């Protein structure tokens, strides 16, 4: 499959603004701390449900946390 772009995120920025640890975010949305670490390092793409849960936790839109960048775009 030819990948057209990549997903990046601002999860660590939103987490820092709220003063939450990775463990606290994980506990609040019911995932492991390792999941949050992997998300922040862009090693894991969230399910739509997880993306909505994170957006709800930070009282923002999914597109504010996650960005999809097409290859070749600046």
Protein backbone atom coordinates (compact mmCIF):
# COMPACT_ATOMS: atom_id res chain seq x y z
CA UNK A 1 0.00 0.00 0.00
CA UNK A 2 1.34 3.40 -0.96
CA UNK A 3 1.27 5.76 2.01
CA UNK A 4 0.19 9.29 1.06
CA UNK A 5 1.13 11.06 4.27
CA UNK A 6 1.77 10.77 7.94
CA UNK A 7 -0.05 11.52 11.15
CA UNK A 8 1.56 13.82 13.70
CA UNK A 9 0.22 15.14 16.95
CA UNK A 10 0.45 17.79 19.64
CA UNK A 11 -0.52 15.43 22.45
CA UNK A 12 2.47 16.29 24.64
CA UNK A 13 1.67 20.00 24.26
CA UNK A 14 -1.94 19.56 25.35
CA UNK A 15 -0.85 17.26 28.17
CA UNK A 16 1.68 19.82 29.43
CA UNK A 17 -0.90 22.64 29.32
CA UNK A 18 -3.15 20.63 31.65
CA UNK A 19 -0.24 19.52 33.83
CA UNK A 20 -1.06 15.84 33.28
CA UNK A 21 1.53 13.07 33.35
CA UNK A 22 1.48 10.37 30.70
CA UNK A 23 0.21 7.97 33.36
CA UNK A 24 -2.62 10.30 34.35
CA UNK A 25 -3.80 10.73 30.75
CA UNK A 26 -3.66 6.96 30.28
CA UNK A 27 -5.70 6.33 33.42
CA UNK A 28 -8.31 8.98 32.54
CA UNK A 29 -9.03 7.43 29.12
CA UNK A 30 -8.47 3.78 30.02
CA UNK A 31 -5.31 2.89 28.11
CA UNK A 32 -1.78 1.98 29.13
CA UNK A 33 0.94 4.55 29.72
CA UNK A 34 2.86 2.84 26.90
CA UNK A 35 0.02 3.74 24.51
CA UNK A 36 0.39 7.42 25.40
CA UNK A 37 4.17 7.21 25.00
CA UNK A 38 3.77 5.56 21.58
CA UNK A 39 1.24 8.17 20.48
CA UNK A 40 3.52 11.04 21.52
CA UNK A 41 6.45 9.49 19.63
CA UNK A 42 4.26 8.99 16.52
CA UNK A 43 4.87 5.24 16.67
CA UNK A 44 1.17 4.47 17.00
CA UNK A 45 -1.88 5.93 15.26
CA UNK A 46 -4.96 6.15 17.47
CA UNK A 47 -8.29 4.57 16.70
CA UNK A 48 -11.04 7.07 15.99
CA UNK A 49 -12.56 6.30 19.39
CA UNK A 50 -9.26 6.98 21.17
CA UNK A 51 -8.78 10.22 19.23
CA UNK A 52 -12.27 11.37 20.30
CA UNK A 53 -11.56 10.42 23.93
CA UNK A 54 -8.34 12.44 23.92
CA UNK A 55 -10.06 15.42 22.31
CA UNK A 56 -12.82 15.24 24.92
CA UNK A 57 -10.28 15.02 27.76
CA UNK A 58 -8.54 18.16 26.52
CA UNK A 59 -11.79 19.90 25.57
CA UNK A 60 -10.71 20.46 21.97
CA UNK A 61 -11.21 19.05 18.50
CA UNK A 62 -9.43 16.00 17.14
CA UNK A 63 -7.85 18.13 14.42
CA UNK A 64 -6.28 20.35 17.09
CA UNK A 65 -4.40 17.37 18.54
CA UNK A 66 -3.81 15.27 15.42
CA UNK A 67 -2.68 16.49 12.01
CA UNK A 68 -2.45 14.50 8.78
CA UNK A 69 0.30 15.81 6.53
CA UNK A 70 0.44 14.71 2.91
CA UNK A 71 3.90 13.84 1.63
CA UNK A 72 5.44 16.75 -0.23
CA UNK A 73 3.45 19.42 1.62
CA UNK A 74 5.33 22.08 3.53
